[in-house]
C-alpha cells in the first residue's frame, strides 16, 4: 500500500503533471481577471463620470505587441477548434465548442483543487487517498433496440469482404 502511494507521488513529480497543476489554476485566474477588466470597461463606458483607471499597458510597447500576438494565436486556436467541430458535427456544435472549452477548463480547475486538497490532507494526516470510482449507467436492451443493430451483431452474419470481390 505504501509503495503504491510512493509511486503516485513519483508520478506527480513529473514536470508535465506539475505544469498542468499550474496551468489549471492559472486559467481560472485569467478568466477572473478578464471578468474584472470587462466590468471596469463596461462601468467606464456606461458612466463617463466614473473613476477612470490608468491604462494597464502602453500602446505600442513590447508587451502590447506580445498581448496582441497572444490574442491572435488564441483566435486562430478557437477558429481551428470550431472549424474541425463544424466539419464533423455542424454549425450548432461548432458554436458550442467555444464555451465548452471554458467549461472544460472550469472542470479541470475544480478537479485540480480537489486533488490538491486531498493530497494536502494526506500529507497532514497520513490518511490514504481513496480511488473514486465512476458510477456508470448502462442502457437496457429495450433502449438499445431504438438505435438498431450494433456492429457486433451484424458482422458475424455479414459476408466477408474478400467474397464481395470474387
Protein backbone atom coordinates (compact mmCIF):
# COMPACT_ATOMS: atom_id res chain seq x y z
CA UNK A 1 0.00 0.00 0.00
CA UNK A 2 2.80 2.42 0.93
CA UNK A 3 4.66 1.50 -2.28
CA UNK A 4 1.63 2.48 -4.38
CA UNK A 5 1.46 5.85 -2.63
CA UNK A 6 5.17 6.38 -3.28
CA UNK A 7 4.61 5.55 -6.98
CA UNK A 8 1.75 8.06 -7.09
CA UNK A 9 3.95 10.72 -5.56
CA UNK A 10 6.71 9.92 -8.07
CA UNK A 11 4.22 10.36 -10.93
CA UNK A 12 3.30 13.78 -9.56
CA UNK A 13 6.98 14.76 -9.63
CA UNK A 14 6.79 14.55 -13.44
CA UNK A 15 7.16 18.07 -14.94
CA UNK A 16 4.14 17.59 -17.24
CA UNK A 17 1.92 16.85 -14.24
CA UNK A 18 3.28 19.84 -12.33
CA UNK A 19 2.66 22.03 -15.38
CA UNK A 20 -0.99 21.00 -15.50
CA UNK A 21 -1.38 21.85 -11.82
CA UNK A 22 -0.16 25.37 -12.50
CA UNK A 23 -2.00 25.94 -15.79
CA UNK A 24 -5.34 24.71 -14.45
CA UNK A 25 -5.09 27.23 -11.62
CA UNK A 26 -3.80 30.00 -13.93
CA UNK A 27 -6.70 29.53 -16.39
CA UNK A 28 -9.26 30.40 -13.75
CA UNK A 29 -7.18 33.35 -12.57
CA UNK A 30 -7.12 34.59 -16.17
CA UNK A 31 -10.89 34.18 -16.53
CA UNK A 32 -11.44 36.15 -13.32
CA UNK A 33 -9.11 38.94 -14.49
CA UNK A 34 -10.94 39.16 -17.82
CA UNK A 35 -14.28 39.41 -15.99
CA UNK A 36 -12.94 42.18 -13.73
CA UNK A 37 -11.45 44.12 -16.66
CA UNK A 38 -14.64 43.79 -18.70
CA UNK A 39 -16.71 45.04 -15.77
CA UNK A 40 -14.35 48.03 -15.29
CA UNK A 41 -14.51 48.88 -19.02
CA UNK A 42 -18.29 48.47 -19.03
CA UNK A 43 -18.63 50.73 -15.98
CA UNK A 44 -16.37 53.38 -17.53
CA UNK A 45 -18.28 53.29 -20.83
CA UNK A 46 -21.76 53.41 -19.23
CA UNK A 47 -20.85 56.09 -16.70
CA UNK A 48 -18.37 58.58 -18.18
CA UNK A 49 -18.15 60.43 -14.84
CA UNK A 50 -16.87 57.35 -13.02
CA UNK A 51 -13.27 56.95 -11.96
CA UNK A 52 -11.03 56.17 -14.93
CA UNK A 53 -8.34 53.65 -14.20
CA UNK A 54 -4.96 54.23 -15.81
CA UNK A 55 -4.09 52.06 -18.78
CA UNK A 56 -2.58 48.71 -17.87
CA UNK A 57 -0.03 48.88 -20.66
CA UNK A 58 1.19 51.47 -23.09
CA UNK A 59 0.01 51.15 -26.66
CA UNK A 60 2.94 50.32 -28.97
CA UNK A 61 5.08 48.79 -26.20
CA UNK A 62 6.67 45.36 -26.45
CA UNK A 63 4.10 43.97 -24.00
CA UNK A 64 1.30 45.46 -26.12
CA UNK A 65 2.52 43.60 -29.21
CA UNK A 66 3.10 40.43 -27.21
CA UNK A 67 -0.51 40.51 -25.97
CA UNK A 68 -1.79 41.21 -29.49
CA UNK A 69 0.15 38.22 -30.79
CA UNK A 70 -1.16 36.07 -27.95
CA UNK A 71 -4.73 37.21 -28.64
CA UNK A 72 -4.30 36.47 -32.36
CA UNK A 73 -2.98 32.96 -31.62
CA UNK A 74 -5.94 32.36 -29.29
CA UNK A 75 -8.25 33.41 -32.12
CA UNK A 76 -6.51 31.00 -34.51
CA UNK A 77 -6.86 28.18 -31.98
CA UNK A 78 -10.56 28.93 -31.42
CA UNK A 79 -11.14 29.06 -35.17
CA UNK A 80 -9.37 25.75 -35.73
CA UNK A 81 -11.37 24.09 -32.97
CA UNK A 82 -14.68 25.46 -34.24
CA UNK A 83 -13.82 24.59 -37.87
CA UNK A 84 -12.91 20.99 -37.06
CA UNK A 85 -16.04 20.55 -34.96
CA UNK A 86 -18.08 22.13 -37.76
CA UNK A 87 -16.69 19.66 -40.31
CA UNK A 88 -17.72 16.71 -38.11
CA UNK A 89 -20.85 17.87 -36.29
CA UNK A 90 -22.23 21.02 -37.92
CA UNK A 91 -22.69 24.69 -37.11
CA UNK A 92 -24.50 24.34 -33.79
CA UNK A 93 -21.83 22.15 -32.22
CA UNK A 94 -19.09 24.36 -33.67
CA UNK A 95 -20.57 27.38 -31.90
CA UNK A 96 -20.95 25.36 -28.70
CA UNK A 97 -17.32 24.22 -28.85
CA UNK A 98 -16.11 27.65 -27.73
CA UNK A 99 -17.99 27.83 -24.40
CA UNK A 100 -17.34 24.09 -23.98
CA UNK A 101 -13.62 24.90 -23.84
CA UNK A 102 -14.21 27.33 -20.94
CA UNK A 103 -16.43 24.77 -19.22
CA UNK A 104 -13.72 22.12 -19.59
CA UNK A 105 -11.17 24.47 -18.04
CA UNK A 106 -13.51 25.05 -15.09
CA UNK A 107 -13.91 21.29 -14.59
CA UNK A 108 -10.12 20.86 -14.76
CA UNK A 109 -9.68 23.62 -12.18
CA UNK A 110 -12.17 22.03 -9.78
CA UNK A 111 -10.53 18.61 -10.20
CA UNK A 112 -7.09 20.12 -9.59
CA UNK A 113 -8.29 21.99 -6.50
CA UNK A 114 -9.82 18.78 -5.14
CA UNK A 115 -6.65 16.79 -5.84
CA UNK A 116 -4.54 19.39 -4.05
CA UNK A 117 -6.93 19.33 -1.09
CA UNK A 118 -6.84 15.51 -0.88
CA UNK A 119 -3.06 15.41 -1.22
CA UNK A 120 -2.63 18.10 1.45
CA UNK A 121 -4.92 16.12 3.76
CA UNK A 122 -2.80 13.03 3.09
CA UNK A 123 0.37 14.91 3.98
CA UNK A 124 -1.14 16.27 7.21
CA UNK A 125 -2.99 13.19 8.47
CA UNK A 126 -1.43 10.28 6.58
CA UNK A 127 -4.92 9.17 5.51
CA UNK A 128 -4.58 7.36 2.19
CA UNK A 129 -6.31 8.78 -0.83
CA UNK A 130 -9.16 6.53 -1.94
CA UNK A 131 -9.77 5.89 -5.60
CA UNK A 132 -13.07 7.41 -6.74
CA UNK A 133 -14.97 5.02 -8.93
CA UNK A 134 -17.17 6.46 -11.64
CA UNK A 135 -20.79 5.40 -11.43
CA UNK A 136 -21.93 4.15 -14.84
CA UNK A 137 -25.45 3.59 -16.07
CA UNK A 138 -25.91 1.29 -19.00
CA UNK A 139 -28.96 1.36 -21.31
CA UNK A 140 -31.37 -1.52 -21.18
CA UNK A 141 -31.92 -3.88 -24.12
CA UNK A 142 -35.19 -2.09 -24.93
CA UNK A 143 -33.41 1.27 -25.10
CA UNK A 144 -30.72 -0.19 -27.35
CA UNK A 145 -33.32 -1.54 -29.80
CA UNK A 146 -34.29 2.05 -30.67
CA UNK A 147 -30.92 2.53 -32.38
CA UNK A 148 -30.90 -0.63 -34.47
CA UNK A 149 -28.34 -3.44 -34.54
CA UNK A 150 -24.79 -2.88 -33.35
CA UNK A 151 -21.69 -3.90 -35.30
CA UNK A 152 -21.09 -6.92 -33.04
CA UNK A 153 -24.49 -8.32 -34.06
CA UNK A 154 -24.14 -7.61 -37.78
CA UNK A 155 -20.53 -8.56 -38.53
CA UNK A 156 -20.73 -12.31 -37.70
CA UNK A 157 -23.57 -12.76 -40.20
CA UNK A 158 -22.15 -10.40 -42.83
CA UNK A 159 -20.43 -11.61 -45.94
CA UNK A 160 -16.61 -11.44 -45.70
CA UNK A 161 -15.12 -8.51 -47.56
CA UNK A 162 -13.00 -10.75 -49.77
CA UNK A 163 -16.08 -12.62 -51.05
CA UNK A 164 -17.50 -9.39 -52.49
CA UNK A 165 -14.63 -9.03 -54.96
CA UNK A 166 -14.53 -12.60 -56.27
